[in-house]
Amino acid sequence: METHSNDIEIIKNQVVSNYYMMTMNTDGITHEESMVFPNGEANCMNWILGHLIYIRNPLLNILGEESVWDNEKFSFYNRGEIPLDHKDKLVSFDELKSYLKQSQDKLEAKLSTLESFKSETVKDISTLSLHEIYHSGQLGYLRRILGKPGAIK
């Protein structure tokens, strides 16, 4: 018998679907392409992917897991930072993809062991999931701006 509550199943599905969207939309993108700032100032793909990982860490923490990186060391990926001001600090796109995979493995493993969320965490978990959906979609537009075919059919 399934012991997970529906809210865990919903978040699990979103985490898996978001990861699929993120990996499809970043597939075949070079580091140089990930550093292109549309209109000379809109967020580049590198920053958005780093920002997604940055915000996945609080989700991991809420679920009782360790972050995949030191958020202080990668603070230039935080909300409110201006990516253009930090473009010399942004890490290689392959390194980001590796951190994303680590975060995914940890999230999926943790979500498969939980029976329910603590009620005081549900709103934060829901908001963090929405945040991820929002930025995952931006990666799709950035992919097209870079002249690549759409990845989600």
N, C-alpha and C. Protein backbone atom coordinates (compact mmCIF):
# COMPACT_ATOMS: atom_id res chain seq x y z
N MET A 1 0.84 -1.20 0.00
CA MET A 1 0.00 0.00 0.00
C MET A 1 0.88 1.26 0.00
N GLU A 2 0.44 2.27 -0.73
CA GLU A 2 1.18 3.54 -0.84
C GLU A 2 1.04 4.31 0.47
N THR A 3 2.19 4.68 1.05
CA THR A 3 2.14 5.41 2.31
C THR A 3 2.31 6.91 2.13
N HIS A 4 2.75 7.34 0.95
CA HIS A 4 2.95 8.78 0.75
C HIS A 4 1.62 9.51 0.67
N SER A 5 1.59 10.71 1.21
CA SER A 5 0.39 11.52 1.06
C SER A 5 0.41 12.16 -0.32
N ASN A 6 -0.75 12.64 -0.76
CA ASN A 6 -0.85 13.23 -2.10
C ASN A 6 0.08 14.41 -2.29
N ASP A 7 0.28 15.22 -1.24
CA ASP A 7 1.14 16.40 -1.41
C ASP A 7 2.57 15.98 -1.74
N ILE A 8 3.04 14.90 -1.19
CA ILE A 8 4.39 14.42 -1.53
C ILE A 8 4.43 13.94 -2.97
N GLU A 9 3.39 13.24 -3.40
CA GLU A 9 3.33 12.77 -4.79
C GLU A 9 3.33 13.95 -5.77
N ILE A 10 2.61 15.01 -5.42
CA ILE A 10 2.56 16.20 -6.28
C ILE A 10 3.96 16.82 -6.40
N ILE A 11 4.62 17.02 -5.27
CA ILE A 11 5.95 17.64 -5.28
C ILE A 11 6.96 16.73 -5.98
N LYS A 12 6.86 15.43 -5.74
CA LYS A 12 7.76 14.48 -6.40
C LYS A 12 7.62 14.59 -7.91
N ASN A 13 6.39 14.63 -8.39
CA ASN A 13 6.14 14.76 -9.82
C ASN A 13 6.68 16.07 -10.36
N GLN A 14 6.51 17.15 -9.61
CA GLN A 14 7.01 18.45 -10.06
C GLN A 14 8.53 18.48 -10.09
N VAL A 15 9.16 17.90 -9.08
CA VAL A 15 10.63 17.86 -9.02
C VAL A 15 11.19 17.07 -10.22
N VAL A 16 10.56 15.95 -10.53
CA VAL A 16 11.01 15.12 -11.67
C VAL A 16 10.73 15.85 -12.99
N SER A 17 9.55 16.43 -13.13
CA SER A 17 9.19 17.14 -14.37
C SER A 17 10.06 18.38 -14.57
N ASN A 18 10.29 19.12 -13.49
CA ASN A 18 11.14 20.32 -13.59
C ASN A 18 12.56 19.94 -14.01
N TYR A 19 13.07 18.87 -13.44
CA TYR A 19 14.42 18.42 -13.79
C TYR A 19 14.48 18.05 -15.27
N TYR A 20 13.47 17.37 -15.73
CA TYR A 20 13.39 17.01 -17.16
C TYR A 20 13.42 18.28 -18.01
N MET A 21 12.61 19.28 -17.65
CA MET A 21 12.58 20.54 -18.41
C MET A 21 13.93 21.24 -18.38
N MET A 22 14.56 21.27 -17.19
CA MET A 22 15.85 21.95 -17.05
C MET A 22 16.93 21.25 -17.88
N THR A 23 16.96 19.92 -17.83
CA THR A 23 18.01 19.20 -18.57
C THR A 23 17.76 19.27 -20.07
N MET A 24 16.52 19.17 -20.50
CA MET A 24 16.21 19.27 -21.93
C MET A 24 16.58 20.66 -22.47
N ASN A 25 16.21 21.70 -21.70
CA ASN A 25 16.45 23.07 -22.17
C ASN A 25 17.90 23.49 -22.11
N THR A 26 18.71 22.82 -21.30
CA THR A 26 20.14 23.18 -21.22
C THR A 26 21.00 22.21 -22.05
N ASP A 27 20.39 21.19 -22.61
CA ASP A 27 21.14 20.20 -23.39
C ASP A 27 21.79 20.85 -24.61
N GLY A 28 23.08 20.58 -24.79
CA GLY A 28 23.78 21.09 -25.97
C GLY A 28 24.15 22.56 -25.89
N ILE A 29 23.93 23.19 -24.75
CA ILE A 29 24.29 24.61 -24.58
C ILE A 29 25.72 24.66 -24.04
N THR A 30 26.57 25.40 -24.73
CA THR A 30 27.96 25.53 -24.28
C THR A 30 28.04 26.55 -23.13
N HIS A 31 29.18 26.55 -22.45
CA HIS A 31 29.37 27.54 -21.38
C HIS A 31 29.26 28.95 -21.97
N GLU A 32 29.87 29.16 -23.12
CA GLU A 32 29.83 30.49 -23.76
C GLU A 32 28.39 30.92 -24.03
N GLU A 33 27.60 29.99 -24.56
CA GLU A 33 26.19 30.31 -24.83
C GLU A 33 25.44 30.59 -23.54
N SER A 34 25.80 29.87 -22.48
CA SER A 34 25.10 30.06 -21.20
C SER A 34 25.39 31.43 -20.60
N MET A 35 26.43 32.10 -21.12
CA MET A 35 26.83 33.41 -20.61
C MET A 35 26.28 34.57 -21.45
N VAL A 36 25.43 34.28 -22.42
CA VAL A 36 24.84 35.33 -23.25
C VAL A 36 23.71 36.01 -22.47
N PHE A 37 23.79 37.34 -22.35
CA PHE A 37 22.76 38.13 -21.67
C PHE A 37 21.85 38.75 -22.72
N PRO A 38 20.62 38.23 -22.89
CA PRO A 38 19.72 38.82 -23.89
C PRO A 38 19.50 40.31 -23.63
N ASN A 39 19.44 41.08 -24.70
CA ASN A 39 19.31 42.55 -24.62
C ASN A 39 20.46 43.17 -23.83
N GLY A 40 21.55 42.43 -23.69
CA GLY A 40 22.72 42.96 -22.99
C GLY A 40 22.57 43.02 -21.48
N GLU A 41 21.40 42.62 -20.94
CA GLU A 41 21.24 42.72 -19.49
C GLU A 41 20.27 41.71 -18.88
N ALA A 42 19.42 41.08 -19.67
CA ALA A 42 18.49 40.09 -19.09
C ALA A 42 19.31 38.90 -18.58
N ASN A 43 18.77 38.19 -17.61
CA ASN A 43 19.49 37.08 -17.00
C ASN A 43 19.94 36.04 -18.03
N CYS A 44 21.20 35.64 -17.93
CA CYS A 44 21.74 34.61 -18.83
C CYS A 44 21.34 33.23 -18.30
N MET A 45 21.47 32.22 -19.16
CA MET A 45 21.10 30.86 -18.80
C MET A 45 21.94 30.34 -17.63
N ASN A 46 23.21 30.71 -17.60
CA ASN A 46 24.09 30.27 -16.52
C ASN A 46 23.54 30.75 -15.18
N TRP A 47 23.16 32.03 -15.11
CA TRP A 47 22.67 32.56 -13.84
C TRP A 47 21.35 31.89 -13.45
N ILE A 48 20.47 31.71 -14.40
CA ILE A 48 19.17 31.11 -14.07
C ILE A 48 19.36 29.68 -13.54
N LEU A 49 20.22 28.90 -14.19
CA LEU A 49 20.44 27.53 -13.71
C LEU A 49 21.09 27.55 -12.31
N GLY A 50 22.07 28.42 -12.12
CA GLY A 50 22.69 28.55 -10.80
C GLY A 50 21.70 29.01 -9.74
N HIS A 51 20.81 29.92 -10.14
CA HIS A 51 19.78 30.42 -9.24
C HIS A 51 18.81 29.29 -8.86
N LEU A 52 18.45 28.45 -9.82
CA LEU A 52 17.58 27.31 -9.53
C LEU A 52 18.21 26.39 -8.49
N ILE A 53 19.51 26.13 -8.64
CA ILE A 53 20.22 25.28 -7.68
C ILE A 53 20.27 25.98 -6.32
N TYR A 54 20.58 27.28 -6.35
CA TYR A 54 20.67 28.07 -5.13
C TYR A 54 19.37 27.94 -4.31
N ILE A 55 18.24 28.02 -5.00
CA ILE A 55 16.94 27.97 -4.32
C ILE A 55 16.49 26.54 -4.04
N ARG A 56 17.09 25.56 -4.71
CA ARG A 56 16.81 24.16 -4.37
C ARG A 56 17.41 23.81 -3.00
N ASN A 57 18.47 24.47 -2.62
CA ASN A 57 19.10 24.17 -1.33
C ASN A 57 18.16 24.39 -0.15
N PRO A 58 17.43 25.53 -0.08
CA PRO A 58 16.46 25.67 1.00
C PRO A 58 15.38 24.57 0.98
N LEU A 59 14.99 24.13 -0.20
CA LEU A 59 14.03 23.03 -0.29
C LEU A 59 14.63 21.77 0.33
N LEU A 60 15.87 21.47 -0.03
CA LEU A 60 16.55 20.32 0.57
C LEU A 60 16.61 20.46 2.09
N ASN A 61 16.95 21.67 2.55
CA ASN A 61 17.07 21.92 3.99
C ASN A 61 15.74 21.73 4.72
N ILE A 62 14.65 22.23 4.13
CA ILE A 62 13.32 22.07 4.72
C ILE A 62 12.98 20.59 4.88
N LEU A 63 13.43 19.79 3.91
CA LEU A 63 13.15 18.35 3.93
C LEU A 63 14.14 17.58 4.82
N GLY A 64 15.10 18.32 5.42
CA GLY A 64 16.03 17.69 6.34
C GLY A 64 17.31 17.19 5.69
N GLU A 65 17.59 17.71 4.49
CA GLU A 65 18.80 17.31 3.75
C GLU A 65 19.82 18.45 3.73
N GLU A 66 21.07 18.10 3.49
CA GLU A 66 22.14 19.09 3.35
C GLU A 66 22.07 19.75 1.97
N SER A 67 22.52 20.99 1.90
CA SER A 67 22.64 21.69 0.61
C SER A 67 23.68 20.99 -0.25
N VAL A 68 23.59 21.19 -1.57
CA VAL A 68 24.61 20.61 -2.47
C VAL A 68 25.82 21.52 -2.62
N TRP A 69 25.69 22.76 -2.16
CA TRP A 69 26.84 23.67 -2.15
C TRP A 69 26.68 24.66 -1.01
N ASP A 70 27.75 25.40 -0.76
CA ASP A 70 27.75 26.44 0.26
C ASP A 70 27.12 27.69 -0.34
N ASN A 71 25.90 28.02 0.11
CA ASN A 71 25.19 29.16 -0.49
C ASN A 71 25.95 30.47 -0.35
N GLU A 72 26.79 30.58 0.66
CA GLU A 72 27.57 31.82 0.81
C GLU A 72 28.59 31.95 -0.31
N LYS A 73 29.24 30.84 -0.63
CA LYS A 73 30.24 30.83 -1.70
C LYS A 73 29.62 31.14 -3.06
N PHE A 74 28.35 30.75 -3.24
CA PHE A 74 27.66 30.95 -4.51
C PHE A 74 26.59 32.03 -4.41
N SER A 75 26.80 32.99 -3.50
CA SER A 75 25.75 33.98 -3.21
C SER A 75 25.38 34.85 -4.41
N PHE A 76 26.24 34.91 -5.42
CA PHE A 76 25.93 35.71 -6.62
C PHE A 76 24.79 35.10 -7.43
N TYR A 77 24.36 33.89 -7.08
CA TYR A 77 23.19 33.28 -7.72
C TYR A 77 21.90 33.52 -6.92
N ASN A 78 22.00 34.31 -5.87
CA ASN A 78 20.84 34.56 -5.02
C ASN A 78 19.87 35.54 -5.67
N ARG A 79 18.63 35.46 -5.22
CA ARG A 79 17.58 36.38 -5.64
C ARG A 79 18.03 37.81 -5.35
N GLY A 80 17.75 38.71 -6.28
CA GLY A 80 18.09 40.11 -6.06
C GLY A 80 19.48 40.50 -6.52
N GLU A 81 20.32 39.50 -6.78
CA GLU A 81 21.66 39.82 -7.31
C GLU A 81 21.52 40.19 -8.79
N ILE A 82 22.44 41.03 -9.26
CA ILE A 82 22.43 41.42 -10.67
C ILE A 82 23.51 40.60 -11.37
N PRO A 83 23.09 39.59 -12.15
CA PRO A 83 24.05 38.65 -12.76
C PRO A 83 25.17 39.33 -13.54
N LEU A 84 24.83 40.41 -14.24
CA LEU A 84 25.84 41.11 -15.05
C LEU A 84 26.99 41.62 -14.18
N ASP A 85 26.68 41.99 -12.93
CA ASP A 85 27.72 42.46 -12.01
C ASP A 85 28.66 41.34 -11.56
N HIS A 86 28.24 40.09 -11.75
CA HIS A 86 28.99 38.94 -11.24
C HIS A 86 29.47 38.01 -12.34
N LYS A 87 29.45 38.49 -13.60
CA LYS A 87 29.69 37.54 -14.69
C LYS A 87 31.07 36.89 -14.63
N ASP A 88 32.03 37.52 -13.99
CA ASP A 88 33.36 36.91 -13.85
C ASP A 88 33.39 35.80 -12.81
N LYS A 89 32.36 35.74 -11.96
CA LYS A 89 32.31 34.72 -10.90
C LYS A 89 31.48 33.50 -11.29
N LEU A 90 30.61 33.66 -12.27
CA LEU A 90 29.70 32.56 -12.62
C LEU A 90 30.50 31.31 -12.99
N VAL A 91 30.09 30.17 -12.45
CA VAL A 91 30.87 28.93 -12.63
C VAL A 91 30.55 28.26 -13.96
N SER A 92 31.38 27.29 -14.33
CA SER A 92 31.19 26.65 -15.63
C SER A 92 29.83 25.96 -15.70
N PHE A 93 29.28 25.96 -16.90
CA PHE A 93 27.94 25.41 -17.10
C PHE A 93 27.91 23.91 -16.77
N ASP A 94 28.98 23.21 -17.10
CA ASP A 94 29.05 21.78 -16.78
C ASP A 94 29.05 21.55 -15.27
N GLU A 95 29.74 22.41 -14.54
CA GLU A 95 29.75 22.31 -13.08
C GLU A 95 28.34 22.53 -12.52
N LEU A 96 27.64 23.50 -13.08
CA LEU A 96 26.27 23.75 -12.64
C LEU A 96 25.39 22.53 -12.89
N LYS A 97 25.53 21.93 -14.08
CA LYS A 97 24.73 20.75 -14.40
C LYS A 97 25.01 19.61 -13.43
N SER A 98 26.26 19.51 -13.00
CA SER A 98 26.64 18.48 -12.03
C SER A 98 25.97 18.75 -10.67
N TYR A 99 25.96 20.00 -10.23
CA TYR A 99 25.28 20.36 -8.98
C TYR A 99 23.77 20.12 -9.10
N LEU A 100 23.21 20.41 -10.27
CA LEU A 100 21.79 20.18 -10.49
C LEU A 100 21.46 18.69 -10.33
N LYS A 101 22.29 17.84 -10.93
CA LYS A 101 22.09 16.39 -10.83
C LYS A 101 22.18 15.94 -9.38
N GLN A 102 23.16 16.46 -8.64
CA GLN A 102 23.28 16.12 -7.21
C GLN A 102 22.03 16.53 -6.45
N SER A 103 21.52 17.72 -6.73
CA SER A 103 20.32 18.19 -6.03
C SER A 103 19.13 17.30 -6.38
N GLN A 104 19.06 16.89 -7.63
CA GLN A 104 17.97 16.02 -8.07
C GLN A 104 18.01 14.67 -7.36
N ASP A 105 19.19 14.07 -7.33
CA ASP A 105 19.34 12.77 -6.68
C ASP A 105 18.95 12.85 -5.21
N LYS A 106 19.38 13.92 -4.54
CA LYS A 106 19.06 14.08 -3.12
C LYS A 106 17.57 14.30 -2.91
N LEU A 107 16.97 15.13 -3.76
CA LEU A 107 15.54 15.41 -3.62
C LEU A 107 14.71 14.15 -3.84
N GLU A 108 15.01 13.43 -4.92
CA GLU A 108 14.23 12.22 -5.22
C GLU A 108 14.39 11.18 -4.11
N ALA A 109 15.62 11.01 -3.63
CA ALA A 109 15.86 10.03 -2.56
C ALA A 109 15.09 10.43 -1.30
N LYS A 110 15.16 11.70 -0.94
CA LYS A 110 14.48 12.16 0.29
C LYS A 110 12.97 12.06 0.15
N LEU A 111 12.43 12.50 -0.99
CA LEU A 111 10.98 12.47 -1.17
C LEU A 111 10.43 11.05 -1.15
N SER A 112 11.25 10.08 -1.54
CA SER A 112 10.77 8.69 -1.55
C SER A 112 10.73 8.09 -0.15
N THR A 113 11.37 8.76 0.82
CA THR A 113 11.37 8.22 2.19
C THR A 113 10.34 8.90 3.10
N LEU A 114 9.82 10.04 2.67
CA LEU A 114 8.89 10.79 3.53
C LEU A 114 7.48 10.23 3.44
N GLU A 115 6.78 10.28 4.56
CA GLU A 115 5.38 9.88 4.56
C GLU A 115 4.45 11.08 4.52
N SER A 116 4.94 12.20 5.01
CA SER A 116 4.16 13.44 4.94
C SER A 116 5.10 14.63 5.18
N PHE A 117 4.61 15.81 4.79
CA PHE A 117 5.34 17.04 5.07
C PHE A 117 4.86 17.59 6.40
N LYS A 118 5.74 18.24 7.13
CA LYS A 118 5.31 18.96 8.34
C LYS A 118 4.40 20.09 7.86
N SER A 119 3.27 20.26 8.53
CA SER A 119 2.27 21.23 8.05
C SER A 119 2.84 22.64 7.92
N GLU A 120 3.78 22.99 8.80
CA GLU A 120 4.34 24.36 8.74
C GLU A 120 5.28 24.56 7.55
N THR A 121 5.62 23.48 6.83
CA THR A 121 6.53 23.60 5.69
C THR A 121 5.80 23.60 4.35
N VAL A 122 4.51 23.26 4.35
CA VAL A 122 3.78 23.06 3.09
C VAL A 122 3.78 24.32 2.21
N LYS A 123 3.54 25.47 2.83
CA LYS A 123 3.50 26.72 2.04
C LYS A 123 4.86 27.00 1.40
N ASP A 124 5.94 26.84 2.16
CA ASP A 124 7.28 27.09 1.62
C ASP A 124 7.61 26.10 0.50
N ILE A 125 7.29 24.84 0.71
CA ILE A 125 7.56 23.82 -0.30
C ILE A 125 6.81 24.14 -1.59
N SER A 126 5.55 24.52 -1.45
CA SER A 126 4.73 24.87 -2.61
C SER A 126 5.30 26.08 -3.34
N THR A 127 5.72 27.10 -2.60
CA THR A 127 6.29 28.32 -3.20
C THR A 127 7.61 28.01 -3.90
N LEU A 128 8.45 27.18 -3.29
CA LEU A 128 9.73 26.82 -3.91
C LEU A 128 9.52 26.02 -5.19
N SER A 129 8.49 25.19 -5.21
CA SER A 129 8.17 24.42 -6.41
C SER A 129 7.70 25.36 -7.53
N LEU A 130 6.85 26.31 -7.18
CA LEU A 130 6.37 27.29 -8.17
C LEU A 130 7.55 28.08 -8.72
N HIS A 131 8.46 28.48 -7.85
CA HIS A 131 9.65 29.23 -8.25
C HIS A 131 10.42 28.46 -9.32
N GLU A 132 10.55 27.16 -9.10
CA GLU A 132 11.31 26.32 -10.01
C GLU A 132 10.62 26.19 -11.37
N ILE A 133 9.30 26.07 -11.35
CA ILE A 133 8.53 25.98 -12.60
C ILE A 133 8.71 27.26 -13.40
N TYR A 134 8.64 28.39 -12.72
CA TYR A 134 8.77 29.71 -13.36
C TYR A 134 10.10 29.84 -14.09
N HIS A 135 11.20 29.55 -13.40
CA HIS A 135 12.51 29.71 -14.02
C HIS A 135 12.83 28.62 -15.04
N SER A 136 12.28 27.42 -14.86
CA SER A 136 12.49 26.36 -15.85
C SER A 136 11.95 26.79 -17.21
N GLY A 137 10.82 27.47 -17.20
CA GLY A 137 10.24 27.98 -18.44
C GLY A 137 11.11 29.04 -19.09
N GLN A 138 11.77 29.84 -18.27
CA GLN A 138 12.68 30.86 -18.82
C GLN A 138 13.82 30.22 -19.59
N LEU A 139 14.29 29.07 -19.12
CA LEU A 139 15.38 28.37 -19.82
C LEU A 139 14.94 28.01 -21.24
N GLY A 140 13.67 27.66 -21.40
CA GLY A 140 13.14 27.33 -22.73
C GLY A 140 13.19 28.52 -23.68
N TYR A 141 12.81 29.69 -23.18
CA TYR A 141 12.88 30.90 -24.01
C TYR A 141 14.33 31.27 -24.33
N LEU A 142 15.20 31.16 -23.34
CA LEU A 142 16.61 31.48 -23.57
C LEU A 142 17.21 30.57 -24.63
N ARG A 143 16.81 29.31 -24.59
CA ARG A 143 17.28 28.34 -25.59
C ARG A 143 16.94 28.84 -27.00
N ARG A 144 15.71 29.30 -27.17
CA ARG A 144 15.26 29.80 -28.48
C ARG A 144 16.00 31.07 -28.87
N ILE A 145 16.22 31.95 -27.89
CA ILE A 145 16.95 33.20 -28.14
C ILE A 145 18.36 32.89 -28.63
N LEU A 146 18.94 31.81 -28.12
CA LEU A 146 20.29 31.38 -28.53
C LEU A 146 20.29 30.72 -29.91
N GLY A 147 19.10 30.61 -30.52
CA GLY A 147 19.02 30.06 -31.87
C GLY A 147 18.90 28.55 -31.92
N LYS A 148 18.61 27.93 -30.77
CA LYS A 148 18.46 26.47 -30.73
C LYS A 148 17.00 26.10 -30.93
N PRO A 149 16.78 24.89 -31.44
CA PRO A 149 15.38 24.45 -31.55
C PRO A 149 14.78 24.22 -30.16
N GLY A 150 13.48 24.38 -30.04
CA GLY A 150 12.81 24.11 -28.76
C GLY A 150 13.05 22.67 -28.35
N ALA A 151 13.21 22.45 -27.06
CA ALA A 151 13.55 21.11 -26.56
C ALA A 151 12.32 20.35 -26.05
N ILE A 152 11.30 21.07 -25.65
CA ILE A 152 10.11 20.43 -25.11
C ILE A 152 9.07 20.37 -26.22
N LYS A 153 8.77 19.17 -26.65
CA LYS A 153 7.83 19.03 -27.79
C LYS A 153 6.46 18.68 -27.27
